[in-house]
PDB file of N, CA and C in Angstrom:
ATOM      1  N   UNK A   1      -0.609 -31.082 -56.161  1.00  0.00           N
ATOM      2  CA  UNK A   1      -0.625 -30.140 -57.322  1.00  0.00           C
ATOM      3  C   UNK A   1      -1.943 -30.172 -58.024  1.00  0.00           C
ATOM      4  N   UNK A   2      -2.547 -31.332 -58.048  1.00  0.00           N
ATOM      5  CA  UNK A   2      -3.854 -31.565 -58.744  1.00  0.00           C
ATOM      6  C   UNK A   2      -4.871 -30.610 -58.026  1.00  0.00           C
ATOM      7  N   UNK A   3      -4.811 -30.461 -56.748  1.00  0.00           N
ATOM      8  CA  UNK A   3      -5.754 -29.688 -56.000  1.00  0.00           C
ATOM      9  C   UNK A   3      -5.708 -28.156 -56.473  1.00  0.00           C
ATOM     10  N   UNK A   4      -4.452 -27.723 -56.760  1.00  0.00           N
ATOM     11  CA  UNK A   4      -4.330 -26.301 -57.182  1.00  0.00           C
ATOM     12  C   UNK A   4      -4.921 -26.029 -58.610  1.00  0.00           C
ATOM     13  N   UNK A   5      -4.977 -27.113 -59.436  1.00  0.00           N
ATOM     14  CA  UNK A   5      -5.669 -27.035 -60.682  1.00  0.00           C
ATOM     15  C   UNK A   5      -7.146 -26.839 -60.700  1.00  0.00           C
ATOM     16  N   UNK A   6      -7.665 -27.238 -59.546  1.00  0.00           N
ATOM     17  CA  UNK A   6      -9.117 -27.116 -59.315  1.00  0.00           C
ATOM     18  C   UNK A   6      -9.563 -25.740 -58.758  1.00  0.00           C
ATOM     19  N   UNK A   7      -8.578 -24.930 -58.354  1.00  0.00           N
ATOM     20  CA  UNK A   7      -8.981 -23.674 -57.840  1.00  0.00           C
ATOM     21  C   UNK A   7      -9.143 -22.632 -58.937  1.00  0.00           C
ATOM     22  N   UNK A   8     -10.029 -21.724 -58.560  1.00  0.00           N
ATOM     23  CA  UNK A   8     -10.329 -20.683 -59.573  1.00  0.00           C
ATOM     24  C   UNK A   8      -9.171 -19.654 -59.638  1.00  0.00           C
ATOM     25  N   UNK A   9      -9.138 -18.881 -60.666  1.00  0.00           N
ATOM     26  CA  UNK A   9      -8.130 -17.790 -60.748  1.00  0.00           C
ATOM     27  C   UNK A   9      -8.168 -16.823 -59.668  1.00  0.00           C
ATOM     28  N   UNK A  10      -9.329 -16.466 -59.113  1.00  0.00           N
ATOM     29  CA  UNK A  10      -9.440 -15.621 -57.957  1.00  0.00           C
ATOM     30  C   UNK A  10      -8.886 -16.281 -56.780  1.00  0.00           C
ATOM     31  N   UNK A  11      -9.097 -17.555 -56.566  1.00  0.00           N
ATOM     32  CA  UNK A  11      -8.585 -18.203 -55.390  1.00  0.00           C
ATOM     33  C   UNK A  11      -7.066 -18.368 -55.406  1.00  0.00           C
ATOM     34  N   UNK A  12      -6.538 -18.545 -56.638  1.00  0.00           N
ATOM     35  CA  UNK A  12      -5.067 -18.668 -56.785  1.00  0.00           C
ATOM     36  C   UNK A  12      -4.380 -17.369 -56.524  1.00  0.00           C
ATOM     37  N   UNK A  13      -5.065 -16.226 -56.974  1.00  0.00           N
ATOM     38  CA  UNK A  13      -4.406 -14.939 -56.888  1.00  0.00           C
ATOM     39  C   UNK A  13      -4.682 -14.256 -55.628  1.00  0.00           C
ATOM     40  N   UNK A  14      -5.790 -14.528 -54.886  1.00  0.00           N
ATOM     41  CA  UNK A  14      -6.023 -13.915 -53.599  1.00  0.00           C
ATOM     42  C   UNK A  14      -4.956 -14.318 -52.579  1.00  0.00           C
ATOM     43  N   UNK A  15      -4.460 -13.315 -51.891  1.00  0.00           N
ATOM     44  CA  UNK A  15      -3.424 -13.580 -50.830  1.00  0.00           C
ATOM     45  C   UNK A  15      -2.071 -13.721 -51.369  1.00  0.00           C
ATOM     46  N   UNK A  16      -1.891 -13.662 -52.697  1.00  0.00           N
ATOM     47  CA  UNK A  16      -0.515 -13.789 -53.283  1.00  0.00           C
ATOM     48  C   UNK A  16       0.015 -12.340 -53.178  1.00  0.00           C
ATOM     49  N   UNK A  17       1.058 -12.121 -52.371  1.00  0.00           N
ATOM     50  CA  UNK A  17       1.610 -10.784 -52.189  1.00  0.00           C
ATOM     51  C   UNK A  17       2.080 -10.025 -53.460  1.00  0.00           C
ATOM     52  N   UNK A  18       2.559 -10.822 -54.365  1.00  0.00           N
ATOM     53  CA  UNK A  18       3.035 -10.148 -55.622  1.00  0.00           C
ATOM     54  C   UNK A  18       1.822  -9.706 -56.502  1.00  0.00           C
ATOM     55  N   UNK A  19       0.817 -10.657 -56.597  1.00  0.00           N
ATOM     56  CA  UNK A  19      -0.405 -10.269 -57.260  1.00  0.00           C
ATOM     57  C   UNK A  19      -1.056  -9.032 -56.651  1.00  0.00           C
ATOM     58  N   UNK A  20      -1.130  -9.080 -55.287  1.00  0.00           N
ATOM     59  CA  UNK A  20      -1.815  -7.989 -54.604  1.00  0.00           C
ATOM     60  C   UNK A  20      -1.038  -6.617 -54.797  1.00  0.00           C
ATOM     61  N   UNK A  21       0.252  -6.611 -54.831  1.00  0.00           N
ATOM     62  CA  UNK A  21       1.022  -5.477 -55.000  1.00  0.00           C
ATOM     63  C   UNK A  21       0.771  -4.917 -56.415  1.00  0.00           C
ATOM     64  N   UNK A  22       0.792  -5.756 -57.418  1.00  0.00           N
ATOM     65  CA  UNK A  22       0.520  -5.271 -58.768  1.00  0.00           C
ATOM     66  C   UNK A  22      -0.875  -4.675 -58.927  1.00  0.00           C
ATOM     67  N   UNK A  23      -1.880  -5.443 -58.318  1.00  0.00           N
ATOM     68  CA  UNK A  23      -3.274  -5.170 -58.496  1.00  0.00           C
ATOM     69  C   UNK A  23      -3.548  -3.751 -57.770  1.00  0.00           C
ATOM     70  N   UNK A  24      -2.851  -3.486 -56.683  1.00  0.00           N
ATOM     71  CA  UNK A  24      -3.062  -2.216 -55.901  1.00  0.00           C
ATOM     72  C   UNK A  24      -2.453  -1.049 -56.850  1.00  0.00           C
ATOM     73  N   UNK A  25      -1.453  -1.416 -57.551  1.00  0.00           N
ATOM     74  CA  UNK A  25      -0.847  -0.342 -58.389  1.00  0.00           C
ATOM     75  C   UNK A  25      -1.807   0.071 -59.524  1.00  0.00           C
ATOM     76  N   UNK A  26      -2.576  -0.840 -60.058  1.00  0.00           N
ATOM     77  CA  UNK A  26      -3.368  -0.486 -61.153  1.00  0.00           C
ATOM     78  C   UNK A  26      -4.848  -0.128 -60.737  1.00  0.00           C
ATOM     79  N   UNK A  27      -5.253  -0.593 -59.611  1.00  0.00           N
ATOM     80  CA  UNK A  27      -6.719  -0.375 -59.207  1.00  0.00           C
ATOM     81  C   UNK A  27      -6.610   1.041 -58.573  1.00  0.00           C
ATOM     82  N   UNK A  28      -7.505   1.923 -59.222  1.00  0.00           N
ATOM     83  CA  UNK A  28      -7.563   3.347 -58.803  1.00  0.00           C
ATOM     84  C   UNK A  28      -8.654   3.510 -57.672  1.00  0.00           C
ATOM     85  N   UNK A  29      -8.288   4.157 -56.656  1.00  0.00           N
ATOM     86  CA  UNK A  29      -9.247   4.510 -55.522  1.00  0.00           C
ATOM     87  C   UNK A  29      -9.808   3.247 -54.775  1.00  0.00           C
ATOM     88  N   UNK A  30      -9.193   2.232 -54.684  1.00  0.00           N
ATOM     89  CA  UNK A  30      -9.637   1.177 -53.921  1.00  0.00           C
ATOM     90  C   UNK A  30     -11.164   0.695 -54.183  1.00  0.00           C
ATOM     91  N   UNK A  31     -11.507   0.703 -55.462  1.00  0.00           N
ATOM     92  CA  UNK A  31     -12.839   0.464 -55.888  1.00  0.00           C
ATOM     93  C   UNK A  31     -13.174  -1.029 -56.073  1.00  0.00           C
ATOM     94  N   UNK A  32     -12.048  -1.900 -56.155  1.00  0.00           N
ATOM     95  CA  UNK A  32     -12.325  -3.207 -56.470  1.00  0.00           C
ATOM     96  C   UNK A  32     -12.425  -3.502 -58.042  1.00  0.00           C
ATOM     97  N   UNK A  33     -12.156  -2.425 -58.882  1.00  0.00           N
ATOM     98  CA  UNK A  33     -12.284  -2.533 -60.298  1.00  0.00           C
ATOM     99  C   UNK A  33     -11.107  -1.943 -60.913  1.00  0.00           C
ATOM    100  N   UNK A  34     -10.628  -2.469 -62.073  1.00  0.00           N
ATOM    101  CA  UNK A  34      -9.621  -1.910 -62.832  1.00  0.00           C
ATOM    102  C   UNK A  34     -10.168  -1.464 -64.216  1.00  0.00           C
ATOM    103  N   UNK A  35     -10.098  -0.170 -64.534  1.00  0.00           N
ATOM    104  CA  UNK A  35     -10.552   0.350 -65.738  1.00  0.00           C
ATOM    105  C   UNK A  35      -9.593  -0.031 -66.885  1.00  0.00           C
ATOM    106  N   UNK A  36     -10.170  -0.029 -68.102  1.00  0.00           N
ATOM    107  CA  UNK A  36      -9.440  -0.425 -69.278  1.00  0.00           C
ATOM    108  C   UNK A  36      -8.258   0.395 -69.486  1.00  0.00           C
ATOM    109  N   UNK A  37      -8.304   1.760 -69.341  1.00  0.00           N
ATOM    110  CA  UNK A  37      -7.209   2.722 -69.460  1.00  0.00           C
ATOM    111  C   UNK A  37      -6.138   2.393 -68.514  1.00  0.00           C
ATOM    112  N   UNK A  38      -6.567   2.145 -67.271  1.00  0.00           N
ATOM    113  CA  UNK A  38      -5.521   1.845 -66.286  1.00  0.00           C
ATOM    114  C   UNK A  38      -4.801   0.528 -66.500  1.00  0.00           C
ATOM    115  N   UNK A  39      -5.567  -0.462 -66.934  1.00  0.00           N
ATOM    116  CA  UNK A  39      -4.977  -1.758 -67.230  1.00  0.00           C
ATOM    117  C   UNK A  39      -4.047  -1.694 -68.434  1.00  0.00           C
ATOM    118  N   UNK A  40      -4.521  -0.887 -69.435  1.00  0.00           N
ATOM    119  CA  UNK A  40      -3.669  -0.757 -70.772  1.00  0.00           C
ATOM    120  C   UNK A  40      -2.306  -0.130 -70.322  1.00  0.00           C
ATOM    121  N   UNK A  41      -2.390   0.987 -69.579  1.00  0.00           N
ATOM    122  CA  UNK A  41      -1.112   1.588 -69.245  1.00  0.00           C
ATOM    123  C   UNK A  41      -0.214   0.704 -68.460  1.00  0.00           C
ATOM    124  N   UNK A  42      -0.666  -0.086 -67.553  1.00  0.00           N
ATOM    125  CA  UNK A  42       0.067  -1.008 -66.728  1.00  0.00           C
ATOM    126  C   UNK A  42       0.564  -2.167 -67.671  1.00  0.00           C
ATOM    127  N   UNK A  43      -0.262  -2.705 -68.561  1.00  0.00           N
ATOM    128  CA  UNK A  43       0.249  -3.822 -69.372  1.00  0.00           C
ATOM    129  C   UNK A  43       1.275  -3.471 -70.493  1.00  0.00           C
ATOM    130  N   UNK A  44       1.098  -2.176 -70.888  1.00  0.00           N
ATOM    131  CA  UNK A  44       2.101  -1.678 -71.862  1.00  0.00           C
ATOM    132  C   UNK A  44       3.564  -1.780 -71.307  1.00  0.00           C
ATOM    133  N   UNK A  45       3.698  -1.714 -70.009  1.00  0.00           N
ATOM    134  CA  UNK A  45       4.977  -1.815 -69.376  1.00  0.00           C
ATOM    135  C   UNK A  45       5.706  -3.118 -69.605  1.00  0.00           C
ATOM    136  N   UNK A  46       4.859  -4.141 -70.063  1.00  0.00           N
ATOM    137  CA  UNK A  46       5.361  -5.472 -70.375  1.00  0.00           C
ATOM    138  C   UNK A  46       6.216  -5.563 -71.571  1.00  0.00           C
ATOM    139  N   UNK A  47       6.054  -4.530 -72.456  1.00  0.00           N
ATOM    140  CA  UNK A  47       6.824  -4.555 -73.714  1.00  0.00           C
ATOM    141  C   UNK A  47       6.120  -5.359 -74.859  1.00  0.00           C
ATOM    142  N   UNK A  48       4.970  -6.038 -74.506  1.00  0.00           N
ATOM    143  CA  UNK A  48       4.353  -6.840 -75.553  1.00  0.00           C
ATOM    144  C   UNK A  48       3.638  -5.933 -76.528  1.00  0.00           C
ATOM    145  N   UNK A  49       3.589  -6.524 -77.731  1.00  0.00           N
ATOM    146  CA  UNK A  49       2.894  -5.702 -78.865  1.00  0.00           C
ATOM    147  C   UNK A  49       1.428  -5.502 -78.509  1.00  0.00           C
ATOM    148  N   UNK A  50       0.942  -4.355 -79.052  1.00  0.00           N
ATOM    149  CA  UNK A  50      -0.539  -4.024 -78.793  1.00  0.00           C
ATOM    150  C   UNK A  50      -1.519  -5.071 -79.176  1.00  0.00           C
ATOM    151  N   UNK A  51      -1.149  -5.813 -80.309  1.00  0.00           N
ATOM    152  CA  UNK A  51      -2.046  -6.847 -80.733  1.00  0.00           C
ATOM    153  C   UNK A  51      -2.183  -7.916 -79.593  1.00  0.00           C
ATOM    154  N   UNK A  52      -1.091  -8.327 -79.089  1.00  0.00           N
ATOM    155  CA  UNK A  52      -1.093  -9.348 -77.985  1.00  0.00           C
ATOM    156  C   UNK A  52      -1.830  -8.805 -76.723  1.00  0.00           C
ATOM    157  N   UNK A  53      -1.443  -7.567 -76.374  1.00  0.00           N
ATOM    158  CA  UNK A  53      -2.175  -6.981 -75.257  1.00  0.00           C
ATOM    159  C   UNK A  53      -3.726  -6.910 -75.407  1.00  0.00           C
ATOM    160  N   UNK A  54      -4.129  -6.647 -76.619  1.00  0.00           N
ATOM    161  CA  UNK A  54      -5.493  -6.581 -76.951  1.00  0.00           C
ATOM    162  C   UNK A  54      -6.095  -7.957 -76.823  1.00  0.00           C
ATOM    163  N   UNK A  55      -5.436  -9.022 -77.215  1.00  0.00           N
ATOM    164  CA  UNK A  55      -5.983 -10.353 -77.055  1.00  0.00           C
ATOM    165  C   UNK A  55      -6.006 -10.786 -75.569  1.00  0.00           C
ATOM    166  N   UNK A  56      -5.029 -10.289 -74.804  1.00  0.00           N
ATOM    167  CA  UNK A  56      -5.125 -10.631 -73.405  1.00  0.00           C
ATOM    168  C   UNK A  56      -6.338  -9.849 -72.746  1.00  0.00           C
ATOM    169  N   UNK A  57      -6.472  -8.635 -73.143  1.00  0.00           N
ATOM    170  CA  UNK A  57      -7.752  -7.929 -72.659  1.00  0.00           C
ATOM    171  C   UNK A  57      -8.988  -8.602 -73.041  1.00  0.00           C
ATOM    172  N   UNK A  58      -9.161  -9.021 -74.232  1.00  0.00           N
ATOM    173  CA  UNK A  58     -10.328  -9.728 -74.693  1.00  0.00           C
ATOM    174  C   UNK A  58     -10.547 -10.950 -73.906  1.00  0.00           C
ATOM    175  N   UNK A  59      -9.511 -11.759 -73.500  1.00  0.00           N
ATOM    176  CA  UNK A  59      -9.674 -12.903 -72.765  1.00  0.00           C
ATOM    177  C   UNK A  59     -10.118 -12.635 -71.269  1.00  0.00           C
ATOM    178  N   UNK A  60      -9.631 -11.476 -70.766  1.00  0.00           N
ATOM    179  CA  UNK A  60      -9.858 -11.151 -69.359  1.00  0.00           C
ATOM    180  C   UNK A  60     -11.250 -10.472 -69.271  1.00  0.00           C
ATOM    181  N   UNK A  61     -11.651  -9.643 -70.242  1.00  0.00           N
ATOM    182  CA  UNK A  61     -12.937  -8.871 -70.258  1.00  0.00           C
ATOM    183  C   UNK A  61     -13.921  -9.570 -71.166  1.00  0.00           C
ATOM    184  N   UNK A  62     -14.277 -10.803 -70.884  1.00  0.00           N
ATOM    185  CA  UNK A  62     -15.089 -11.619 -71.673  1.00  0.00           C
ATOM    186  C   UNK A  62     -16.469 -11.062 -71.994  1.00  0.00           C
ATOM    187  N   UNK A  63     -17.021 -10.217 -71.025  1.00  0.00           N
ATOM    188  CA  UNK A  63     -18.337  -9.688 -71.274  1.00  0.00           C
ATOM    189  C   UNK A  63     -18.257  -8.236 -71.853  1.00  0.00           C
ATOM    190  N   UNK A  64     -17.059  -7.702 -72.148  1.00  0.00           N
ATOM    191  CA  UNK A  64     -16.944  -6.464 -72.871  1.00  0.00           C
ATOM    192  C   UNK A  64     -17.376  -5.272 -72.036  1.00  0.00           C
ATOM    193  N   UNK A  65     -17.309  -5.320 -70.719  1.00  0.00           N
ATOM    194  CA  UNK A  65     -17.725  -4.195 -69.834  1.00  0.00           C
ATOM    195  C   UNK A  65     -16.636  -3.079 -69.792  1.00  0.00           C
ATOM    196  N   UNK A  66     -15.398  -3.355 -70.129  1.00  0.00           N
ATOM    197  CA  UNK A  66     -14.384  -2.380 -70.058  1.00  0.00           C
ATOM    198  C   UNK A  66     -13.779  -2.179 -68.713  1.00  0.00           C
ATOM    199  N   UNK A  67     -14.052  -3.121 -67.802  1.00  0.00           N
ATOM    200  CA  UNK A  67     -13.580  -3.058 -66.440  1.00  0.00           C
ATOM    201  C   UNK A  67     -13.151  -4.516 -66.000  1.00  0.00           C
ATOM    202  N   UNK A  68     -12.262  -4.640 -65.143  1.00  0.00           N
ATOM    203  CA  UNK A  68     -11.886  -5.949 -64.525  1.00  0.00           C
ATOM    204  C   UNK A  68     -12.035  -5.815 -63.081  1.00  0.00           C
ATOM    205  N   UNK A  69     -12.366  -6.964 -62.399  1.00  0.00           N
ATOM    206  CA  UNK A  69     -12.455  -7.020 -61.002  1.00  0.00           C
ATOM    207  C   UNK A  69     -11.675  -8.263 -60.456  1.00  0.00           C
ATOM    208  N   UNK A  70     -11.493  -8.403 -59.298  1.00  0.00           N
ATOM    209  CA  UNK A  70     -10.805  -9.673 -58.821  1.00  0.00           C
ATOM    210  C   UNK A  70     -11.770 -10.848 -58.914  1.00  0.00           C
ATOM    211  N   UNK A  71     -13.122 -10.629 -58.880  1.00  0.00           N
ATOM    212  CA  UNK A  71     -13.946 -11.595 -59.178  1.00  0.00           C
ATOM    213  C   UNK A  71     -14.199 -11.876 -60.628  1.00  0.00           C
ATOM    214  N   UNK A  72     -13.255 -12.760 -61.209  1.00  0.00           N
ATOM    215  CA  UNK A  72     -13.241 -12.879 -62.660  1.00  0.00           C
ATOM    216  C   UNK A  72     -14.497 -13.716 -63.061  1.00  0.00           C
ATOM    217  N   UNK A  73     -14.888 -13.471 -64.380  1.00  0.00           N
ATOM    218  CA  UNK A  73     -15.998 -14.128 -65.023  1.00  0.00           C
ATOM    219  C   UNK A  73     -15.628 -15.582 -65.081  1.00  0.00           C
ATOM    220  N   UNK A  74     -16.570 -16.450 -64.581  1.00  0.00           N
ATOM    221  CA  UNK A  74     -16.329 -17.888 -64.585  1.00  0.00           C
ATOM    222  C   UNK A  74     -16.378 -18.526 -65.898  1.00  0.00           C
ATOM    223  N   UNK A  75     -16.886 -17.848 -66.888  1.00  0.00           N
ATOM    224  CA  UNK A  75     -16.985 -18.361 -68.269  1.00  0.00           C
ATOM    225  C   UNK A  75     -15.761 -17.987 -69.137  1.00  0.00           C
ATOM    226  N   UNK A  76     -14.795 -17.345 -68.482  1.00  0.00           N
ATOM    227  CA  UNK A  76     -13.508 -16.992 -69.206  1.00  0.00           C
ATOM    228  C   UNK A  76     -12.903 -18.132 -69.686  1.00  0.00           C
ATOM    229  N   UNK A  77     -12.356 -18.116 -71.019  1.00  0.00           N
ATOM    230  CA  UNK A  77     -11.631 -19.196 -71.603  1.00  0.00           C
ATOM    231  C   UNK A  77     -10.396 -19.564 -70.722  1.00  0.00           C
ATOM    232  N   UNK A  78      -9.929 -18.668 -69.919  1.00  0.00           N
ATOM    233  CA  UNK A  78      -8.763 -18.908 -68.990  1.00  0.00           C
ATOM    234  C   UNK A  78      -9.105 -19.941 -67.979  1.00  0.00           C
ATOM    235  N   UNK A  79     -10.291 -20.091 -67.704  1.00  0.00           N
ATOM    236  CA  UNK A  79     -10.782 -20.878 -66.567  1.00  0.00           C
ATOM    237  C   UNK A  79     -11.392 -22.171 -66.882  1.00  0.00           C
ATOM    238  N   UNK A  80     -11.530 -22.413 -68.232  1.00  0.00           N
ATOM    239  CA  UNK A  80     -12.269 -23.575 -68.658  1.00  0.00           C
ATOM    240  C   UNK A  80     -11.378 -24.416 -69.599  1.00  0.00           C
ATOM    241  N   UNK A  81     -11.624 -25.694 -69.421  1.00  0.00           N
ATOM    242  CA  UNK A  81     -11.084 -26.758 -70.291  1.00  0.00           C
ATOM    243  C   UNK A  81      -9.582 -26.614 -70.701  1.00  0.00           C
ATOM    244  N   UNK A  82      -8.844 -26.090 -69.857  1.00  0.00           N
ATOM    245  CA  UNK A  82      -7.382 -26.053 -70.228  1.00  0.00           C
ATOM    246  C   UNK A  82      -6.726 -27.208 -69.475  1.00  0.00           C
ATOM    247  N   UNK A  83      -5.387 -27.301 -69.716  1.00  0.00           N
ATOM    248  CA  UNK A  83      -4.641 -28.392 -69.127  1.00  0.00           C
ATOM    249  C   UNK A  83      -4.446 -28.084 -67.570  1.00  0.00           C
ATOM    250  N   UNK A  84      -4.451 -29.072 -66.794  1.00  0.00           N
ATOM    251  CA  UNK A  84      -4.264 -28.757 -65.344  1.00  0.00           C
ATOM    252  C   UNK A  84      -2.747 -28.432 -65.218  1.00  0.00           C
ATOM    253  N   UNK A  85      -2.463 -27.715 -64.094  1.00  0.00           N
ATOM    254  CA  UNK A  85      -1.081 -27.284 -63.794  1.00  0.00           C
ATOM    255  C   UNK A  85      -0.146 -28.455 -63.795  1.00  0.00           C
ATOM    256  N   UNK A  86      -0.614 -29.645 -63.336  1.00  0.00           N
ATOM    257  CA  UNK A  86       0.147 -30.829 -63.230  1.00  0.00           C
ATOM    258  C   UNK A  86       0.553 -31.325 -64.629  1.00  0.00           C
ATOM    259  N   UNK A  87      -0.198 -31.008 -65.592  1.00  0.00           N
ATOM    260  CA  UNK A  87       0.075 -31.500 -66.980  1.00  0.00           C
ATOM    261  C   UNK A  87       0.991 -30.564 -67.758  1.00  0.00           C
ATOM    262  N   UNK A  88       1.253 -29.346 -67.268  1.00  0.00           N
ATOM    263  CA  UNK A  88       2.128 -28.388 -67.990  1.00  0.00           C
ATOM    264  C   UNK A  88       3.514 -28.843 -67.714  1.00  0.00           C
ATOM    265  N   UNK A  89       4.283 -29.053 -68.932  1.00  0.00           N
ATOM    266  CA  UNK A  89       5.575 -29.494 -68.745  1.00  0.00           C
ATOM    267  C   UNK A  89       6.571 -28.474 -68.180  1.00  0.00           C
ATOM    268  N   UNK A  90       6.216 -27.218 -68.204  1.00  0.00           N
ATOM    269  CA  UNK A  90       7.168 -26.187 -67.696  1.00  0.00           C
ATOM    270  C   UNK A  90       6.832 -25.788 -66.286  1.00  0.00           C
ATOM    271  N   UNK A  91       5.793 -26.362 -65.655  1.00  0.00           N
ATOM    272  CA  UNK A  91       5.429 -25.979 -64.403  1.00  0.00           C
ATOM    273  C   UNK A  91       6.565 -26.322 -63.320  1.00  0.00           C
ATOM    274  N   UNK A  92       6.754 -25.390 -62.439  1.00  0.00           N
ATOM    275  CA  UNK A  92       7.879 -25.477 -61.452  1.00  0.00           C
ATOM    276  C   UNK A  92       7.333 -26.212 -60.337  1.00  0.00           C
ATOM    277  N   UNK A  93       8.123 -27.295 -59.913  1.00  0.00           N
ATOM    278  CA  UNK A  93       7.664 -28.153 -58.788  1.00  0.00           C
ATOM    279  C   UNK A  93       7.887 -27.270 -57.475  1.00  0.00           C
ATOM    280  N   UNK A  94       7.130 -27.517 -56.481  1.00  0.00           N
ATOM    281  CA  UNK A  94       7.016 -26.747 -55.237  1.00  0.00           C
ATOM    282  C   UNK A  94       8.425 -26.662 -54.615  1.00  0.00           C
ATOM    283  N   UNK A  95       9.113 -27.799 -54.563  1.00  0.00           N
ATOM    284  CA  UNK A  95      10.445 -27.887 -53.965  1.00  0.00           C
ATOM    285  C   UNK A  95      11.379 -27.086 -54.656  1.00  0.00           C
ATOM    286  N   UNK A  96      11.315 -26.985 -55.999  1.00  0.00           N
ATOM    287  CA  UNK A  96      12.189 -26.127 -56.877  1.00  0.00           C
ATOM    288  C   UNK A  96      11.848 -24.582 -56.676  1.00  0.00           C
ATOM    289  N   UNK A  97      10.593 -24.340 -56.606  1.00  0.00           N
ATOM    290  CA  UNK A  97      10.083 -22.971 -56.434  1.00  0.00           C
ATOM    291  C   UNK A  97      10.671 -22.461 -55.098  1.00  0.00           C
ATOM    292  N   UNK A  98      10.760 -23.217 -53.989  1.00  0.00           N
ATOM    293  CA  UNK A  98      11.308 -22.769 -52.732  1.00  0.00           C
ATOM    294  C   UNK A  98      12.718 -22.443 -52.903  1.00  0.00           C
ATOM    295  N   UNK A  99      13.458 -23.296 -53.664  1.00  0.00           N
ATOM    296  CA  UNK A  99      14.920 -23.073 -53.929  1.00  0.00           C
ATOM    297  C   UNK A  99      15.120 -21.780 -54.714  1.00  0.00           C
ATOM    298  N   UNK A 100      14.272 -21.516 -55.723  1.00  0.00           N
ATOM    299  CA  UNK A 100      14.460 -20.301 -56.572  1.00  0.00           C
ATOM    300  C   UNK A 100      14.050 -19.071 -55.760  1.00  0.00           C
ATOM    301  N   UNK A 101      12.970 -19.246 -54.876  1.00  0.00           N
ATOM    302  CA  UNK A 101      12.483 -18.124 -54.136  1.00  0.00           C
ATOM    303  C   UNK A 101      13.687 -17.665 -53.207  1.00  0.00           C
ATOM    304  N   UNK A 102      14.522 -18.550 -52.705  1.00  0.00           N
ATOM    305  CA  UNK A 102      15.477 -18.347 -51.827  1.00  0.00           C
ATOM    306  C   UNK A 102      16.664 -17.471 -52.483  1.00  0.00           C
ATOM    307  N   UNK A 103      16.794 -17.765 -53.782  1.00  0.00           N
ATOM    308  CA  UNK A 103      17.788 -17.152 -54.558  1.00  0.00           C
ATOM    309  C   UNK A 103      17.438 -15.726 -54.754  1.00  0.00           C
TER     310      UNK A 103
END
């Protein structure tokens, strides 16, 4: 589990079929980029308040370009100095995940 904490966000998300499915829904024209309007429309489906969605966007688009790509900015606060996955009390153990996936 500690090895997973050392992986970048891109490495964790690449090859994940669920992530890929959602990314393809948002990414217009297979450009490798998600525009702010497309991301906003997709994220609104979550039902979160606009204020929270704005904060999520600010964390994801750290350089203010108005687009996202799979190659996330390595200076993003999401990738630096946070607790490792092993330290999170709510993290699902791999054996439990397999059980829940089966359900």
